Amino acid sequence: MTDSLRDQLLGLGFKPAPKPERKPERKPERKPDSRADSRPGNRQAGNQPTGKPAGRPGQAPRPNNAPRAAQPKPARSREEMDLAKAYAIRAQKEKDERIEAERLKQEEARVRREAKARVEELLKGKSLNDPNAEIARHFPYGGKIKRIHVNAEQLKALNAGELGVVQQNGRYLLVTAALLAEAESIFPACVALKVDPDAPVGDDPYADPQYQVPDDLIW
């Protein structure tokens, strides 16, 4: 259409056709880079996953496998320290006492063995026991009533204190008063019967050979 024709139409009352509205172009939205968001430096405090603290400002985040700092133990009071010290001293004292008691026990056993060996050596071949003796002379020893067989002369000498009885390895040996005194000086426990000649007769009821021992007596 030429300009003259357009002018003619406009003159007749025709209006020019409206031009179509031109919409502004929209730029495509930029998708966030997931890799960039996954980096620690690109995370923001508001986007941190729940359950993990953001940490203090200026403090480096602690690795997941890092050990936790040990919690300081509360200091013990003076009373607790004194009580623990007293218990330790008491336990050490009791231990020392047990050790000392065991040492004394072993020492006593050693001395006893040596003394018995010396008495045994002293009495070798010096026993006066008569194999044909028929008189039973009773005497108390070790909490029980024991006996030794003697003849009439030995019984008289025994009651007069001229003889004595020594226990040796479960046997009762008749010995002289002098030998009895020597054995007593080495090992007093070996003396089974030692008669005091100056003691009243009634003090030794077993001196009478007619003395009868009860049937229910434990030997």
Protein backbone atom coordinates (compact mmCIF):
# COMPACT_ATOMS: atom_id res chain seq x y z
CA MET A 1 0.00 0.00 0.00
CA THR A 2 1.41 3.32 -0.97
CA ASP A 3 1.42 6.33 1.26
CA SER A 4 -1.23 8.05 -0.86
CA LEU A 5 -3.65 5.22 -0.42
CA ARG A 6 -2.92 5.11 3.34
CA ASP A 7 -3.58 8.77 3.58
CA GLN A 8 -6.82 8.39 1.69
CA LEU A 9 -8.04 5.64 4.01
CA LEU A 10 -7.15 7.68 7.02
CA GLY A 11 -9.10 10.47 5.59
CA LEU A 12 -12.14 8.33 5.17
CA GLY A 13 -12.06 7.49 8.92
CA PHE A 14 -10.17 4.24 8.92
CA LYS A 15 -7.78 3.77 11.83
CA PRO A 16 -4.53 1.99 11.41
CA ALA A 17 -4.42 -1.54 12.77
CA PRO A 18 -2.94 -1.72 16.28
CA LYS A 19 0.48 -3.19 16.48
CA PRO A 20 0.80 -6.37 18.55
CA GLU A 21 2.22 -5.79 22.02
CA ARG A 22 5.78 -7.00 22.32
CA LYS A 23 6.35 -8.91 25.52
CA PRO A 24 9.71 -8.44 27.21
CA GLU A 25 11.99 -11.38 26.89
CA ARG A 26 12.55 -13.37 30.14
CA LYS A 27 15.95 -14.72 30.79
CA PRO A 28 16.04 -18.39 31.84
CA GLU A 29 16.50 -18.94 35.58
CA ARG A 30 19.95 -20.15 36.50
CA LYS A 31 19.92 -23.36 38.42
CA PRO A 32 22.12 -23.42 41.47
CA ASP A 33 25.24 -25.46 41.10
CA SER A 34 24.83 -28.46 43.43
CA ARG A 35 28.56 -29.05 43.45
CA ALA A 36 29.25 -25.51 44.54
CA ASP A 37 26.64 -25.78 47.31
CA SER A 38 28.22 -28.98 48.59
CA ARG A 39 31.52 -27.24 49.27
CA PRO A 40 31.96 -26.14 52.90
CA GLY A 41 32.81 -22.59 51.87
CA ASN A 42 29.55 -22.07 49.92
CA ARG A 43 27.25 -23.29 52.70
CA GLN A 44 25.38 -20.74 54.66
CA ALA A 45 24.45 -21.09 58.30
CA GLY A 46 20.76 -21.28 57.49
CA ASN A 47 21.24 -24.18 55.05
CA GLN A 48 23.29 -26.43 57.34
CA PRO A 49 21.76 -29.86 57.98
CA THR A 50 20.06 -30.39 61.30
CA GLY A 51 21.95 -32.23 64.04
CA LYS A 52 25.30 -30.57 63.28
CA PRO A 53 26.05 -27.37 65.16
CA ALA A 54 27.28 -24.44 63.17
CA GLY A 55 30.13 -23.95 65.61
CA ARG A 56 31.40 -20.86 67.29
CA PRO A 57 32.48 -17.89 65.18
CA GLY A 58 36.15 -18.09 64.33
CA GLN A 59 36.39 -21.73 65.45
CA ALA A 60 37.33 -24.40 62.94
CA PRO A 61 34.78 -27.21 62.64
CA ARG A 62 35.74 -30.39 64.48
CA PRO A 63 36.07 -33.50 62.29
CA ASN A 64 33.55 -36.24 62.92
CA ASN A 65 36.22 -38.73 64.01
CA ALA A 66 38.09 -36.30 66.27
CA PRO A 67 38.13 -37.43 69.93
CA ARG A 68 36.14 -35.42 72.39
CA ALA A 69 38.06 -33.49 74.98
CA ALA A 70 38.24 -35.33 78.30
CA GLN A 71 36.05 -33.83 80.94
CA PRO A 72 38.11 -32.73 83.96
CA LYS A 73 37.50 -34.86 87.05
CA PRO A 74 36.19 -33.00 90.06
CA ALA A 75 38.90 -32.40 92.61
CA ARG A 76 38.66 -34.56 95.72
CA SER A 77 38.03 -32.84 98.97
CA ARG A 78 40.61 -32.72 101.74
CA GLU A 79 38.49 -35.07 103.83
CA GLU A 80 38.40 -37.68 101.05
CA MET A 81 42.15 -37.44 100.56
CA ASP A 82 42.82 -37.86 104.29
CA LEU A 83 40.45 -40.86 104.44
CA ALA A 84 42.12 -42.53 101.43
CA LYS A 85 45.53 -41.94 103.00
CA ALA A 86 44.38 -43.45 106.30
CA TYR A 87 43.04 -46.55 104.50
CA ALA A 88 46.32 -46.95 102.62
CA ILE A 89 48.36 -46.67 105.83
CA ARG A 90 46.11 -49.18 107.60
CA ALA A 91 46.29 -51.67 104.71
CA GLN A 92 50.08 -51.41 104.62
CA LYS A 93 50.27 -51.88 108.40
CA GLU A 94 48.08 -54.99 108.29
CA LYS A 95 50.18 -56.39 105.47
CA ASP A 96 53.38 -55.81 107.44
CA GLU A 97 51.85 -57.47 110.50
CA ARG A 98 50.87 -60.55 108.47
CA ILE A 99 54.33 -60.79 106.99
CA GLU A 100 55.94 -60.44 110.42
CA ALA A 101 53.61 -63.03 111.97
CA GLU A 102 54.41 -65.50 109.21
CA ARG A 103 58.11 -64.84 109.62
CA LEU A 104 57.92 -65.45 113.37
CA LYS A 105 55.92 -68.62 112.80
CA GLN A 106 58.49 -70.00 110.39
CA GLU A 107 61.33 -68.99 112.70
CA GLU A 108 59.66 -70.72 115.64
CA ALA A 109 59.16 -73.89 113.60
CA ARG A 110 62.80 -73.84 112.55
CA VAL A 111 64.02 -73.41 116.13
CA ARG A 112 61.70 -76.20 117.28
CA ARG A 113 62.99 -78.61 114.64
CA GLU A 114 66.58 -77.87 115.51
CA ALA A 115 65.93 -78.28 119.25
CA LYS A 116 64.17 -81.62 118.76
CA ALA A 117 67.06 -82.83 116.64
CA ARG A 118 69.54 -81.87 119.37
CA VAL A 119 67.51 -83.67 122.06
CA GLU A 120 67.27 -86.75 119.87
CA GLU A 121 71.03 -86.74 119.45
CA LEU A 122 71.45 -86.27 123.21
CA LEU A 123 69.23 -89.23 124.13
CA LYS A 124 70.75 -91.76 121.74
CA GLY A 125 71.55 -94.96 123.62
CA LYS A 126 70.73 -93.42 127.04
CA SER A 127 67.17 -94.62 127.55
CA LEU A 128 66.54 -96.69 130.71
CA ASN A 129 63.29 -98.30 129.55
CA ASP A 130 62.97 -101.89 130.79
CA PRO A 131 61.31 -104.19 128.22
CA ASN A 132 60.27 -106.51 131.04
CA ALA A 133 58.69 -103.79 133.17
CA GLU A 134 55.09 -104.43 134.18
CA ILE A 135 54.18 -101.48 136.40
CA ALA A 136 52.29 -98.71 134.65
CA ARG A 137 53.24 -95.22 135.86
CA HIS A 138 50.62 -92.70 134.71
CA PHE A 139 51.22 -88.98 134.27
CA PRO A 140 49.47 -86.02 132.60
CA TYR A 141 51.03 -84.70 129.39
CA GLY A 142 49.63 -82.66 126.53
CA GLY A 143 46.18 -82.49 128.12
CA LYS A 144 45.85 -86.28 128.30
CA ILE A 145 46.87 -89.08 130.65
CA LYS A 146 49.93 -90.98 129.42
CA ARG A 147 51.84 -93.92 130.89
CA ILE A 148 55.21 -95.61 130.93
CA HIS A 149 56.03 -99.09 132.15
CA VAL A 150 58.70 -99.35 134.84
CA ASN A 151 59.91 -101.91 137.33
CA ALA A 152 59.65 -101.52 141.09
CA GLU A 153 63.07 -99.89 141.54
CA GLN A 154 62.47 -97.48 138.66
CA LEU A 155 59.09 -96.53 140.08
CA LYS A 156 60.67 -95.66 143.42
CA ALA A 157 63.42 -93.62 141.75
CA LEU A 158 60.93 -91.91 139.46
CA ASN A 159 58.71 -90.84 142.36
CA ALA A 160 61.79 -89.58 144.22
CA GLY A 161 62.81 -87.38 141.31
CA GLU A 162 65.94 -89.39 140.53
CA LEU A 163 64.52 -90.37 137.13
CA GLY A 164 62.33 -88.58 134.62
CA VAL A 165 60.40 -89.15 131.41
CA VAL A 166 61.13 -87.50 128.07
CA GLN A 167 58.88 -87.55 125.01
CA GLN A 168 60.76 -88.31 121.83
CA ASN A 169 59.02 -88.95 118.46
CA GLY A 170 55.86 -90.26 120.11
CA ARG A 171 57.75 -92.51 122.58
CA TYR A 172 58.29 -91.95 126.30
CA LEU A 173 61.83 -92.56 127.46
CA LEU A 174 62.96 -93.07 131.03
CA VAL A 175 66.16 -91.10 131.72
CA THR A 176 68.25 -89.89 134.64
CA ALA A 177 67.44 -86.60 136.35
CA ALA A 178 70.68 -85.06 135.06
CA LEU A 179 69.88 -86.04 131.46
CA LEU A 180 66.33 -84.81 131.91
CA ALA A 181 67.60 -81.39 133.03
CA GLU A 182 69.93 -81.17 130.04
CA ALA A 183 67.15 -82.09 127.62
CA GLU A 184 64.86 -79.53 129.28
CA SER A 185 67.41 -76.77 128.73
CA ILE A 186 67.42 -77.53 125.00
CA PHE A 187 63.72 -78.19 124.40
CA PRO A 188 61.45 -77.77 127.46
CA ALA A 189 58.40 -79.21 125.67
CA CYS A 190 60.03 -82.64 125.54
CA VAL A 191 59.82 -83.10 129.32
CA ALA A 192 56.86 -85.41 129.98
CA LEU A 193 57.35 -86.22 133.66
CA LYS A 194 59.56 -84.45 136.18
CA VAL A 195 58.83 -85.18 139.82
CA ASP A 196 59.70 -82.66 142.50
CA PRO A 197 60.95 -84.72 145.46
CA ASP A 198 60.09 -81.91 147.89
CA ALA A 199 56.46 -81.69 146.75
CA PRO A 200 53.75 -83.20 149.01
CA VAL A 201 52.74 -86.72 148.13
CA GLY A 202 49.14 -85.76 147.51
CA ASP A 203 50.15 -83.41 144.68
CA ASP A 204 50.80 -86.34 142.35
CA PRO A 205 47.90 -88.83 142.57
CA TYR A 206 49.45 -90.95 139.80
CA ALA A 207 52.51 -91.78 141.92
CA ASP A 208 50.63 -94.67 143.53
CA PRO A 209 50.96 -97.73 141.26
CA GLN A 210 47.53 -98.84 142.46
CA TYR A 211 45.97 -95.83 140.84
CA GLN A 212 43.28 -96.92 138.42
CA VAL A 213 42.60 -94.93 135.26
CA PRO A 214 38.89 -94.67 134.27
CA ASP A 215 37.86 -96.92 131.40
CA ASP A 216 36.37 -94.02 129.42
CA LEU A 217 39.63 -92.00 129.52
CA ILE A 218 40.97 -91.03 126.09
CA TRP A 219 44.64 -91.83 125.78
